[in-house]
Amino acid sequence: LKLGLTVMAFGLVSLGAGVTAQAK
């Protein structure tokens, strides 16, 4: 549940593009 709420709340994804989770 907590993971789901955080994913929904996070509004910053539009600030970047094409970045992988492993990016430095």
mmCIF file of all heavy atoms, coordinates in Angstrom:
data_MODEL
# 
_entry.id   MODEL 
# 
loop_
_atom_site.group_PDB 
_atom_site.id 
_atom_site.type_symbol 
_atom_site.label_atom_id 
_atom_site.label_alt_id 
_atom_site.label_comp_id 
_atom_site.label_asym_id 
_atom_site.label_entity_id 
_atom_site.label_seq_id 
_atom_site.pdbx_PDB_ins_code 
_atom_site.Cartn_x 
_atom_site.Cartn_y 
_atom_site.Cartn_z 
_atom_site.occupancy 
_atom_site.B_iso_or_equiv 
_atom_site.pdbx_formal_charge 
_atom_site.auth_seq_id 
_atom_site.auth_comp_id 
_atom_site.auth_asym_id 
_atom_site.auth_atom_id 
_atom_site.pdbx_PDB_model_num 
ATOM 1   N N   . LEU A 1 1  ? 0.826  -1.203 0.000   1.00 0.00 ? 1  LEU A N   1 
ATOM 2   C CA  . LEU A 1 1  ? 0.000  0.000  0.000   1.00 0.00 ? 1  LEU A CA  1 
ATOM 3   C C   . LEU A 1 1  ? 0.859  1.252  0.000   1.00 0.00 ? 1  LEU A C   1 
ATOM 4   O O   . LEU A 1 1  ? 0.595  2.209  -0.732  1.00 0.00 ? 1  LEU A O   1 
ATOM 5   C CB  . LEU A 1 1  ? -0.924 0.004  1.226   1.00 0.00 ? 1  LEU A CB  1 
ATOM 6   C CG  . LEU A 1 1  ? -2.136 -0.916 1.153   1.00 0.00 ? 1  LEU A CG  1 
ATOM 7   C CD1 . LEU A 1 1  ? -2.873 -0.898 2.482   1.00 0.00 ? 1  LEU A CD1 1 
ATOM 8   C CD2 . LEU A 1 1  ? -3.069 -0.482 0.033   1.00 0.00 ? 1  LEU A CD2 1 
ATOM 9   N N   . LYS A 1 2  ? 1.894  1.251  0.828   1.00 0.00 ? 2  LYS A N   1 
ATOM 10  C CA  . LYS A 1 2  ? 2.726  2.442  0.937   1.00 0.00 ? 2  LYS A CA  1 
ATOM 11  C C   . LYS A 1 2  ? 3.490  2.704  -0.355  1.00 0.00 ? 2  LYS A C   1 
ATOM 12  O O   . LYS A 1 2  ? 3.640  3.838  -0.792  1.00 0.00 ? 2  LYS A O   1 
ATOM 13  C CB  . LYS A 1 2  ? 3.702  2.301  2.107   1.00 0.00 ? 2  LYS A CB  1 
ATOM 14  C CG  . LYS A 1 2  ? 4.242  3.643  2.586   1.00 0.00 ? 2  LYS A CG  1 
ATOM 15  C CD  . LYS A 1 2  ? 4.793  3.549  3.989   1.00 0.00 ? 2  LYS A CD  1 
ATOM 16  C CE  . LYS A 1 2  ? 5.142  4.931  4.516   1.00 0.00 ? 2  LYS A CE  1 
ATOM 17  N NZ  . LYS A 1 2  ? 5.662  4.899  5.890   1.00 0.00 ? 2  LYS A NZ  1 
ATOM 18  N N   . LEU A 1 3  ? 3.959  1.653  -0.979  1.00 0.00 ? 3  LEU A N   1 
ATOM 19  C CA  . LEU A 1 3  ? 4.617  1.807  -2.279  1.00 0.00 ? 3  LEU A CA  1 
ATOM 20  C C   . LEU A 1 3  ? 3.677  2.410  -3.301  1.00 0.00 ? 3  LEU A C   1 
ATOM 21  O O   . LEU A 1 3  ? 4.017  3.324  -4.036  1.00 0.00 ? 3  LEU A O   1 
ATOM 22  C CB  . LEU A 1 3  ? 5.112  0.447  -2.788  1.00 0.00 ? 3  LEU A CB  1 
ATOM 23  C CG  . LEU A 1 3  ? 6.473  -0.026 -2.293  1.00 0.00 ? 3  LEU A CG  1 
ATOM 24  C CD1 . LEU A 1 3  ? 6.724  -1.440 -2.764  1.00 0.00 ? 3  LEU A CD1 1 
ATOM 25  C CD2 . LEU A 1 3  ? 7.574  0.884  -2.784  1.00 0.00 ? 3  LEU A CD2 1 
ATOM 26  N N   . GLY A 1 4  ? 2.430  1.908  -3.316  1.00 0.00 ? 4  GLY A N   1 
ATOM 27  C CA  . GLY A 1 4  ? 1.437  2.401  -4.267  1.00 0.00 ? 4  GLY A CA  1 
ATOM 28  C C   . GLY A 1 4  ? 1.127  3.867  -4.064  1.00 0.00 ? 4  GLY A C   1 
ATOM 29  O O   . GLY A 1 4  ? 1.045  4.638  -5.021  1.00 0.00 ? 4  GLY A O   1 
ATOM 30  N N   . LEU A 1 5  ? 0.971  4.283  -2.818  1.00 0.00 ? 5  LEU A N   1 
ATOM 31  C CA  . LEU A 1 5  ? 0.665  5.681  -2.519  1.00 0.00 ? 5  LEU A CA  1 
ATOM 32  C C   . LEU A 1 5  ? 1.797  6.603  -2.937  1.00 0.00 ? 5  LEU A C   1 
ATOM 33  O O   . LEU A 1 5  ? 1.577  7.697  -3.457  1.00 0.00 ? 5  LEU A O   1 
ATOM 34  C CB  . LEU A 1 5  ? 0.391  5.833  -1.016  1.00 0.00 ? 5  LEU A CB  1 
ATOM 35  C CG  . LEU A 1 5  ? -0.937 5.244  -0.528  1.00 0.00 ? 5  LEU A CG  1 
ATOM 36  C CD1 . LEU A 1 5  ? -0.975 5.288  1.000   1.00 0.00 ? 5  LEU A CD1 1 
ATOM 37  C CD2 . LEU A 1 5  ? -2.113 6.023  -1.095  1.00 0.00 ? 5  LEU A CD2 1 
ATOM 38  N N   . THR A 1 6  ? 3.031  6.152  -2.713  1.00 0.00 ? 6  THR A N   1 
ATOM 39  C CA  . THR A 1 6  ? 4.172  6.990  -3.065  1.00 0.00 ? 6  THR A CA  1 
ATOM 40  C C   . THR A 1 6  ? 4.300  7.154  -4.574  1.00 0.00 ? 6  THR A C   1 
ATOM 41  O O   . THR A 1 6  ? 4.551  8.239  -5.078  1.00 0.00 ? 6  THR A O   1 
ATOM 42  C CB  . THR A 1 6  ? 5.472  6.389  -2.499  1.00 0.00 ? 6  THR A CB  1 
ATOM 43  O OG1 . THR A 1 6  ? 5.303  6.204  -1.101  1.00 0.00 ? 6  THR A OG1 1 
ATOM 44  C CG2 . THR A 1 6  ? 6.642  7.319  -2.747  1.00 0.00 ? 6  THR A CG2 1 
ATOM 45  N N   . VAL A 1 7  ? 4.118  6.068  -5.305  1.00 0.00 ? 7  VAL A N   1 
ATOM 46  C CA  . VAL A 1 7  ? 4.186  6.146  -6.763  1.00 0.00 ? 7  VAL A CA  1 
ATOM 47  C C   . VAL A 1 7  ? 3.133  7.108  -7.291  1.00 0.00 ? 7  VAL A C   1 
ATOM 48  O O   . VAL A 1 7  ? 3.389  7.923  -8.175  1.00 0.00 ? 7  VAL A O   1 
ATOM 49  C CB  . VAL A 1 7  ? 3.987  4.750  -7.385  1.00 0.00 ? 7  VAL A CB  1 
ATOM 50  C CG1 . VAL A 1 7  ? 3.837  4.862  -8.899  1.00 0.00 ? 7  VAL A CG1 1 
ATOM 51  C CG2 . VAL A 1 7  ? 5.182  3.864  -7.064  1.00 0.00 ? 7  VAL A CG2 1 
ATOM 52  N N   . MET A 1 8  ? 1.939  7.070  -6.708  1.00 0.00 ? 8  MET A N   1 
ATOM 53  C CA  . MET A 1 8  ? 0.855  7.950  -7.153  1.00 0.00 ? 8  MET A CA  1 
ATOM 54  C C   . MET A 1 8  ? 1.136  9.404  -6.786  1.00 0.00 ? 8  MET A C   1 
ATOM 55  O O   . MET A 1 8  ? 0.787  10.317 -7.523  1.00 0.00 ? 8  MET A O   1 
ATOM 56  C CB  . MET A 1 8  ? -0.468 7.506  -6.527  1.00 0.00 ? 8  MET A CB  1 
ATOM 57  C CG  . MET A 1 8  ? -0.974 6.165  -7.048  1.00 0.00 ? 8  MET A CG  1 
ATOM 58  S SD  . MET A 1 8  ? -2.437 5.609  -6.159  1.00 0.00 ? 8  MET A SD  1 
ATOM 59  C CE  . MET A 1 8  ? -3.617 6.852  -6.653  1.00 0.00 ? 8  MET A CE  1 
ATOM 60  N N   . ALA A 1 9  ? 1.793  9.626  -5.641  1.00 0.00 ? 9  ALA A N   1 
ATOM 61  C CA  . ALA A 1 9  ? 2.006  10.989 -5.165  1.00 0.00 ? 9  ALA A CA  1 
ATOM 62  C C   . ALA A 1 9  ? 3.142  11.693 -5.894  1.00 0.00 ? 9  ALA A C   1 
ATOM 63  O O   . ALA A 1 9  ? 3.195  12.905 -5.956  1.00 0.00 ? 9  ALA A O   1 
ATOM 64  C CB  . ALA A 1 9  ? 2.309  10.967 -3.662  1.00 0.00 ? 9  ALA A CB  1 
ATOM 65  N N   . PHE A 1 10 ? 4.049  10.925 -6.457  1.00 0.00 ? 10 PHE A N   1 
ATOM 66  C CA  . PHE A 1 10 ? 5.247  11.511 -7.046  1.00 0.00 ? 10 PHE A CA  1 
ATOM 67  C C   . PHE A 1 10 ? 4.916  12.192 -8.366  1.00 0.00 ? 10 PHE A C   1 
ATOM 68  O O   . PHE A 1 10 ? 4.549  11.545 -9.325  1.00 0.00 ? 10 PHE A O   1 
ATOM 69  C CB  . PHE A 1 10 ? 6.295  10.411 -7.280  1.00 0.00 ? 10 PHE A CB  1 
ATOM 70  C CG  . PHE A 1 10 ? 7.677  10.858 -6.930  1.00 0.00 ? 10 PHE A CG  1 
ATOM 71  C CD1 . PHE A 1 10 ? 8.305  10.369 -5.799  1.00 0.00 ? 10 PHE A CD1 1 
ATOM 72  C CD2 . PHE A 1 10 ? 8.339  11.776 -7.718  1.00 0.00 ? 10 PHE A CD2 1 
ATOM 73  C CE1 . PHE A 1 10 ? 9.587  10.767 -5.473  1.00 0.00 ? 10 PHE A CE1 1 
ATOM 74  C CE2 . PHE A 1 10 ? 9.618  12.184 -7.400  1.00 0.00 ? 10 PHE A CE2 1 
ATOM 75  C CZ  . PHE A 1 10 ? 10.238 11.687 -6.273  1.00 0.00 ? 10 PHE A CZ  1 
ATOM 76  N N   . GLY A 1 11 ? 5.049  13.514 -8.413  1.00 0.00 ? 11 GLY A N   1 
ATOM 77  C CA  . GLY A 1 11 ? 4.686  14.261 -9.617  1.00 0.00 ? 11 GLY A CA  1 
ATOM 78  C C   . GLY A 1 11 ? 5.852  14.777 -10.408 1.00 0.00 ? 11 GLY A C   1 
ATOM 79  O O   . GLY A 1 11 ? 5.700  15.607 -11.305 1.00 0.00 ? 11 GLY A O   1 
ATOM 80  N N   . LEU A 1 12 ? 7.057  14.312 -10.126 1.00 0.00 ? 12 LEU A N   1 
ATOM 81  C CA  . LEU A 1 12 ? 8.255  14.887 -10.738 1.00 0.00 ? 12 LEU A CA  1 
ATOM 82  C C   . LEU A 1 12 ? 8.738  14.163 -11.983 1.00 0.00 ? 12 LEU A C   1 
ATOM 83  O O   . LEU A 1 12 ? 9.708  14.575 -12.594 1.00 0.00 ? 12 LEU A O   1 
ATOM 84  C CB  . LEU A 1 12 ? 9.398  14.898 -9.719  1.00 0.00 ? 12 LEU A CB  1 
ATOM 85  C CG  . LEU A 1 12 ? 9.307  16.013 -8.687  1.00 0.00 ? 12 LEU A CG  1 
ATOM 86  C CD1 . LEU A 1 12 ? 10.257 15.726 -7.544  1.00 0.00 ? 12 LEU A CD1 1 
ATOM 87  C CD2 . LEU A 1 12 ? 9.625  17.354 -9.294  1.00 0.00 ? 12 LEU A CD2 1 
ATOM 88  N N   . VAL A 1 13 ? 8.058  13.112 -12.377 1.00 0.00 ? 13 VAL A N   1 
ATOM 89  C CA  . VAL A 1 13 ? 8.545  12.313 -13.498 1.00 0.00 ? 13 VAL A CA  1 
ATOM 90  C C   . VAL A 1 13 ? 8.667  13.135 -14.776 1.00 0.00 ? 13 VAL A C   1 
ATOM 91  O O   . VAL A 1 13 ? 9.518  12.885 -15.611 1.00 0.00 ? 13 VAL A O   1 
ATOM 92  C CB  . VAL A 1 13 ? 7.630  11.084 -13.710 1.00 0.00 ? 13 VAL A CB  1 
ATOM 93  C CG1 . VAL A 1 13 ? 6.261  11.496 -14.194 1.00 0.00 ? 13 VAL A CG1 1 
ATOM 94  C CG2 . VAL A 1 13 ? 8.272  10.112 -14.697 1.00 0.00 ? 13 VAL A CG2 1 
ATOM 95  N N   . SER A 1 14 ? 7.850  14.166 -14.932 1.00 0.00 ? 14 SER A N   1 
ATOM 96  C CA  . SER A 1 14 ? 7.864  14.965 -16.158 1.00 0.00 ? 14 SER A CA  1 
ATOM 97  C C   . SER A 1 14 ? 9.080  15.880 -16.260 1.00 0.00 ? 14 SER A C   1 
ATOM 98  O O   . SER A 1 14 ? 9.344  16.455 -17.314 1.00 0.00 ? 14 SER A O   1 
ATOM 99  C CB  . SER A 1 14 ? 6.592  15.811 -16.246 1.00 0.00 ? 14 SER A CB  1 
ATOM 100 O OG  . SER A 1 14 ? 6.532  16.714 -15.170 1.00 0.00 ? 14 SER A OG  1 
ATOM 101 N N   . LEU A 1 15 ? 9.834  16.027 -15.187 1.00 0.00 ? 15 LEU A N   1 
ATOM 102 C CA  . LEU A 1 15 ? 10.989 16.909 -15.213 1.00 0.00 ? 15 LEU A CA  1 
ATOM 103 C C   . LEU A 1 15 ? 12.174 16.315 -15.976 1.00 0.00 ? 15 LEU A C   1 
ATOM 104 O O   . LEU A 1 15 ? 13.072 17.022 -16.385 1.00 0.00 ? 15 LEU A O   1 
ATOM 105 C CB  . LEU A 1 15 ? 11.445 17.243 -13.785 1.00 0.00 ? 15 LEU A CB  1 
ATOM 106 C CG  . LEU A 1 15 ? 10.511 18.127 -12.984 1.00 0.00 ? 15 LEU A CG  1 
ATOM 107 C CD1 . LEU A 1 15 ? 11.041 18.278 -11.565 1.00 0.00 ? 15 LEU A CD1 1 
ATOM 108 C CD2 . LEU A 1 15 ? 10.359 19.496 -13.621 1.00 0.00 ? 15 LEU A CD2 1 
ATOM 109 N N   . GLY A 1 16 ? 12.201 15.016 -16.143 1.00 0.00 ? 16 GLY A N   1 
ATOM 110 C CA  . GLY A 1 16 ? 13.294 14.387 -16.865 1.00 0.00 ? 16 GLY A CA  1 
ATOM 111 C C   . GLY A 1 16 ? 12.758 13.415 -17.888 1.00 0.00 ? 16 GLY A C   1 
ATOM 112 O O   . GLY A 1 16 ? 11.569 13.130 -17.924 1.00 0.00 ? 16 GLY A O   1 
ATOM 113 N N   . ALA A 1 17 ? 13.627 12.890 -18.735 1.00 0.00 ? 17 ALA A N   1 
ATOM 114 C CA  . ALA A 1 17 ? 13.162 11.939 -19.742 1.00 0.00 ? 17 ALA A CA  1 
ATOM 115 C C   . ALA A 1 17 ? 14.283 10.948 -20.044 1.00 0.00 ? 17 ALA A C   1 
ATOM 116 O O   . ALA A 1 17 ? 15.448 11.305 -20.124 1.00 0.00 ? 17 ALA A O   1 
ATOM 117 C CB  . ALA A 1 17 ? 12.760 12.678 -21.015 1.00 0.00 ? 17 ALA A CB  1 
ATOM 118 N N   . GLY A 1 18 ? 13.893 9.681  -20.206 1.00 0.00 ? 18 GLY A N   1 
ATOM 119 C CA  . GLY A 1 18 ? 14.846 8.668  -20.620 1.00 0.00 ? 18 GLY A CA  1 
ATOM 120 C C   . GLY A 1 18 ? 15.897 8.318  -19.587 1.00 0.00 ? 18 GLY A C   1 
ATOM 121 O O   . GLY A 1 18 ? 16.980 7.856  -19.939 1.00 0.00 ? 18 GLY A O   1 
ATOM 122 N N   . VAL A 1 19 ? 15.592 8.511  -18.323 1.00 0.00 ? 19 VAL A N   1 
ATOM 123 C CA  . VAL A 1 19 ? 16.563 8.206  -17.263 1.00 0.00 ? 19 VAL A CA  1 
ATOM 124 C C   . VAL A 1 19 ? 16.223 6.865  -16.645 1.00 0.00 ? 19 VAL A C   1 
ATOM 125 O O   . VAL A 1 19 ? 15.090 6.618  -16.272 1.00 0.00 ? 19 VAL A O   1 
ATOM 126 C CB  . VAL A 1 19 ? 16.539 9.297  -16.173 1.00 0.00 ? 19 VAL A CB  1 
ATOM 127 C CG1 . VAL A 1 19 ? 17.542 8.959  -15.080 1.00 0.00 ? 19 VAL A CG1 1 
ATOM 128 C CG2 . VAL A 1 19 ? 16.871 10.646 -16.776 1.00 0.00 ? 19 VAL A CG2 1 
ATOM 129 N N   . THR A 1 20 ? 17.189 5.992  -16.558 1.00 0.00 ? 20 THR A N   1 
ATOM 130 C CA  . THR A 1 20 ? 16.945 4.691  -15.947 1.00 0.00 ? 20 THR A CA  1 
ATOM 131 C C   . THR A 1 20 ? 17.170 4.778  -14.451 1.00 0.00 ? 20 THR A C   1 
ATOM 132 O O   . THR A 1 20 ? 17.797 5.709  -13.943 1.00 0.00 ? 20 THR A O   1 
ATOM 133 C CB  . THR A 1 20 ? 17.902 3.630  -16.522 1.00 0.00 ? 20 THR A CB  1 
ATOM 134 O OG1 . THR A 1 20 ? 19.233 3.967  -16.151 1.00 0.00 ? 20 THR A OG1 1 
ATOM 135 C CG2 . THR A 1 20 ? 17.798 3.563  -18.041 1.00 0.00 ? 20 THR A CG2 1 
ATOM 136 N N   . ALA A 1 21 ? 16.660 3.798  -13.744 1.00 0.00 ? 21 ALA A N   1 
ATOM 137 C CA  . ALA A 1 21 ? 16.790 3.775  -12.286 1.00 0.00 ? 21 ALA A CA  1 
ATOM 138 C C   . ALA A 1 21 ? 18.246 3.623  -11.861 1.00 0.00 ? 21 ALA A C   1 
ATOM 139 O O   . ALA A 1 21 ? 18.623 3.978  -10.750 1.00 0.00 ? 21 ALA A O   1 
ATOM 140 C CB  . ALA A 1 21 ? 15.956 2.636  -11.713 1.00 0.00 ? 21 ALA A CB  1 
ATOM 141 N N   . GLN A 1 22 ? 19.103 3.112  -12.757 1.00 0.00 ? 22 GLN A N   1 
ATOM 142 C CA  . GLN A 1 22 ? 20.499 2.886  -12.402 1.00 0.00 ? 22 GLN A CA  1 
ATOM 143 C C   . GLN A 1 22 ? 21.401 4.076  -12.761 1.00 0.00 ? 22 GLN A C   1 
ATOM 144 O O   . GLN A 1 22 ? 22.613 4.023  -12.579 1.00 0.00 ? 22 GLN A O   1 
ATOM 145 C CB  . GLN A 1 22 ? 21.022 1.637  -13.128 1.00 0.00 ? 22 GLN A CB  1 
ATOM 146 C CG  . GLN A 1 22 ? 20.423 0.327  -12.611 1.00 0.00 ? 22 GLN A CG  1 
ATOM 147 C CD  . GLN A 1 22 ? 18.998 0.124  -13.080 1.00 0.00 ? 22 GLN A CD  1 
ATOM 148 O OE1 . GLN A 1 22 ? 18.661 0.512  -14.194 1.00 0.00 ? 22 GLN A OE1 1 
ATOM 149 N NE2 . GLN A 1 22 ? 18.164 -0.483 -12.246 1.00 0.00 ? 22 GLN A NE2 1 
ATOM 150 N N   . ALA A 1 23 ? 20.821 5.140  -13.311 1.00 0.00 ? 23 ALA A N   1 
ATOM 151 C CA  . ALA A 1 23 ? 21.626 6.283  -13.749 1.00 0.00 ? 23 ALA A CA  1 
ATOM 152 C C   . ALA A 1 23 ? 22.375 6.910  -12.570 1.00 0.00 ? 23 ALA A C   1 
ATOM 153 O O   . ALA A 1 23 ? 21.854 7.003  -11.464 1.00 0.00 ? 23 ALA A O   1 
ATOM 154 C CB  . ALA A 1 23 ? 20.737 7.334  -14.409 1.00 0.00 ? 23 ALA A CB  1 
ATOM 155 N N   . LYS A 1 24 ? 23.593 7.343  -12.833 1.00 0.00 ? 24 LYS A N   1 
ATOM 156 C CA  . LYS A 1 24 ? 24.384 8.019  -11.804 1.00 0.00 ? 24 LYS A CA  1 
ATOM 157 C C   . LYS A 1 24 ? 23.814 9.410  -11.570 1.00 0.00 ? 24 LYS A C   1 
ATOM 158 O O   . LYS A 1 24 ? 23.591 10.168 -12.507 1.00 0.00 ? 24 LYS A O   1 
ATOM 159 C CB  . LYS A 1 24 ? 25.839 8.110  -12.250 1.00 0.00 ? 24 LYS A CB  1 
ATOM 160 C CG  . LYS A 1 24 ? 26.759 8.679  -11.190 1.00 0.00 ? 24 LYS A CG  1 
ATOM 161 C CD  . LYS A 1 24 ? 28.200 8.694  -11.675 1.00 0.00 ? 24 LYS A CD  1 
ATOM 162 C CE  . LYS A 1 24 ? 29.116 9.282  -10.617 1.00 0.00 ? 24 LYS A CE  1 
ATOM 163 N NZ  . LYS A 1 24 ? 30.527 9.310  -11.081 1.00 0.00 ? 24 LYS A NZ  1 
# 
